[in-house]
């Protein structure tokens, strides 16, 4: 299970260092794809294979399948870095475009655990999502109560 929230630098080649505690679950490989709310999902390859088999067996909207399967398998390099595909970087808002059309990467991303996957977020989007969750006090409290918290 993946948990925790980590601000991580992203380098000029679009690589992020995956936290050490996440790496053992990704040693066999991983799948990186489009996530909900404009984040990037990173799944251990074993989990991806389960999702892939279920998706192939289910009737799903074609647009959903297009985005889900538009990701790609990947591996961490020897330093534990993951290179994020350019289109996923754009989708997640990790690329900024200036007035001339030149693109630059943001300096930092938020890498967060989300049970069976990792999510990679543009920092302002992550903070807005966290603030929104905090504002949903009654609904949030109902779910916490079900967990015994």
Protein backbone atom coordinates (compact mmCIF):
# COMPACT_ATOMS: atom_id res chain seq x y z
CA UNK A 1 0.00 0.00 0.00
CA UNK A 2 1.28 3.45 -0.92
CA UNK A 3 0.83 6.31 1.53
CA UNK A 4 2.42 9.65 2.36
CA UNK A 5 2.89 12.96 0.56
CA UNK A 6 6.29 14.00 -0.74
CA UNK A 7 7.35 17.21 -2.49
CA UNK A 8 9.92 16.06 -5.07
CA UNK A 9 12.06 18.03 -7.52
CA UNK A 10 11.57 17.29 -11.21
CA UNK A 11 14.65 17.61 -13.40
CA UNK A 12 14.97 19.14 -16.88
CA UNK A 13 14.47 15.70 -18.48
CA UNK A 14 11.12 15.19 -16.72
CA UNK A 15 12.45 12.71 -14.15
CA UNK A 16 11.23 12.45 -10.58
CA UNK A 17 12.87 10.50 -7.80
CA UNK A 18 10.41 7.98 -6.42
CA UNK A 19 10.52 7.82 -2.59
CA UNK A 20 12.62 4.93 -1.31
CA UNK A 21 9.73 3.31 0.55
CA UNK A 22 7.75 2.97 -2.72
CA UNK A 23 10.53 1.40 -4.77
CA UNK A 24 10.32 -2.27 -3.68
CA UNK A 25 6.75 -2.46 -5.03
CA UNK A 26 7.92 -1.07 -8.37
CA UNK A 27 11.03 -3.22 -8.94
CA UNK A 28 9.25 -5.57 -11.36
CA UNK A 29 8.13 -2.58 -13.42
CA UNK A 30 5.29 -0.09 -13.44
CA UNK A 31 2.67 1.47 -15.63
CA UNK A 32 2.26 5.24 -15.84
CA UNK A 33 -0.98 6.72 -17.18
CA UNK A 34 -3.56 9.51 -17.04
CA UNK A 35 -5.18 9.93 -13.63
CA UNK A 36 -8.35 11.60 -12.44
CA UNK A 37 -8.32 15.38 -11.83
CA UNK A 38 -5.25 15.91 -14.04
CA UNK A 39 -2.71 13.94 -12.06
CA UNK A 40 -0.47 11.09 -13.23
CA UNK A 41 -1.09 7.57 -11.96
CA UNK A 42 1.78 5.16 -11.36
CA UNK A 43 0.80 1.54 -10.76
CA UNK A 44 2.99 -1.47 -10.01
CA UNK A 45 3.02 -3.62 -13.15
CA UNK A 46 1.24 -6.46 -11.34
CA UNK A 47 -1.63 -4.12 -10.39
CA UNK A 48 -1.73 -2.74 -13.94
CA UNK A 49 -2.07 -6.26 -15.34
CA UNK A 50 -5.09 -6.85 -13.05
CA UNK A 51 -6.67 -3.57 -14.16
CA UNK A 52 -5.94 -4.32 -17.81
CA UNK A 53 -7.60 -7.76 -17.61
CA UNK A 54 -10.68 -6.32 -15.90
CA UNK A 55 -10.93 -3.43 -18.39
CA UNK A 56 -10.76 -5.82 -21.34
CA UNK A 57 -13.55 -7.92 -19.86
CA UNK A 58 -15.86 -4.99 -19.06
CA UNK A 59 -17.98 -2.73 -21.19
CA UNK A 60 -16.57 0.76 -20.65
CA UNK A 61 -16.86 4.07 -22.45
CA UNK A 62 -14.29 4.21 -25.23
CA UNK A 63 -13.01 7.62 -24.09
CA UNK A 64 -12.19 6.15 -20.68
CA UNK A 65 -10.35 3.22 -22.23
CA UNK A 66 -8.45 5.55 -24.55
CA UNK A 67 -7.03 7.54 -21.66
CA UNK A 68 -6.41 4.52 -19.47
CA UNK A 69 -4.52 2.65 -22.18
CA UNK A 70 -2.69 5.76 -23.43
CA UNK A 71 -0.13 5.28 -20.68
CA UNK A 72 2.95 3.13 -20.97
CA UNK A 73 5.04 0.60 -19.07
CA UNK A 74 8.22 1.93 -17.47
CA UNK A 75 11.01 1.09 -15.06
CA UNK A 76 12.88 3.11 -12.48
CA UNK A 77 16.49 3.87 -13.32
CA UNK A 78 19.40 2.97 -11.00
CA UNK A 79 18.84 6.13 -8.93
CA UNK A 80 15.12 5.38 -8.44
CA UNK A 81 14.00 8.00 -10.97
CA UNK A 82 10.96 7.75 -13.19
CA UNK A 83 10.91 9.63 -16.50
CA UNK A 84 7.43 11.04 -16.99
CA UNK A 85 6.24 10.96 -20.62
CA UNK A 86 5.94 14.44 -22.18
CA UNK A 87 2.19 14.19 -22.88
CA UNK A 88 1.48 13.13 -19.31
CA UNK A 89 3.57 16.05 -18.03
CA UNK A 90 1.41 18.42 -20.10
CA UNK A 91 -1.83 16.75 -18.98
CA UNK A 92 -0.84 17.08 -15.32
CA UNK A 93 0.12 20.76 -15.62
CA UNK A 94 3.81 20.11 -15.02
CA UNK A 95 4.74 22.15 -18.10
CA UNK A 96 4.47 25.93 -18.19
CA UNK A 97 4.35 27.83 -21.48
CA UNK A 98 5.60 31.41 -21.72
CA UNK A 99 4.41 34.14 -24.10
CA UNK A 100 6.74 32.90 -26.85
CA UNK A 101 5.41 29.34 -26.64
CA UNK A 102 8.55 28.00 -24.97
CA UNK A 103 7.86 25.24 -22.47
CA UNK A 104 9.55 24.78 -19.12
CA UNK A 105 8.90 22.24 -16.40
CA UNK A 106 7.71 23.20 -12.95
CA UNK A 107 10.42 22.82 -10.29
CA UNK A 108 8.56 20.52 -7.92
CA UNK A 109 5.83 17.90 -7.99
CA UNK A 110 3.84 16.26 -5.23
CA UNK A 111 4.19 12.48 -5.11
CA UNK A 112 1.48 10.96 -2.97
CA UNK A 113 0.40 7.47 -2.08
CA UNK A 114 -3.16 6.51 -2.97
CA UNK A 115 -3.59 2.93 -1.75
CA UNK A 116 -2.59 0.71 -4.67
CA UNK A 117 -1.15 3.48 -6.83
CA UNK A 118 1.03 6.55 -6.64
CA UNK A 119 -0.22 9.91 -7.88
CA UNK A 120 1.98 12.72 -9.19
CA UNK A 121 0.51 16.21 -8.92
CA UNK A 122 1.27 19.76 -9.90
CA UNK A 123 1.67 21.38 -6.42
CA UNK A 124 -1.07 24.04 -6.71
CA UNK A 125 -3.56 21.44 -7.98
CA UNK A 126 -2.71 19.17 -5.06
CA UNK A 127 -3.15 21.98 -2.54
CA UNK A 128 -6.50 22.95 -4.07
CA UNK A 129 -7.69 19.34 -3.90
CA UNK A 130 -6.57 19.04 -0.27
CA UNK A 131 -8.32 22.31 0.62
CA UNK A 132 -11.51 21.16 -1.08
CA UNK A 133 -11.43 17.88 0.83
CA UNK A 134 -11.00 19.80 4.08
CA UNK A 135 -14.03 21.96 3.22
CA UNK A 136 -16.19 18.86 2.76
CA UNK A 137 -16.17 18.46 6.54
CA UNK A 138 -19.44 16.60 7.11
CA UNK A 139 -18.96 14.16 4.24
CA UNK A 140 -15.33 13.65 5.20
CA UNK A 141 -16.27 13.11 8.85
CA UNK A 142 -18.86 10.51 7.83
CA UNK A 143 -16.17 8.48 6.03
CA UNK A 144 -13.74 8.88 8.95
CA UNK A 145 -16.42 7.63 11.33
CA UNK A 146 -16.87 4.51 9.19
CA UNK A 147 -13.14 3.91 9.62
CA UNK A 148 -13.42 4.31 13.37
CA UNK A 149 -11.57 7.63 13.45
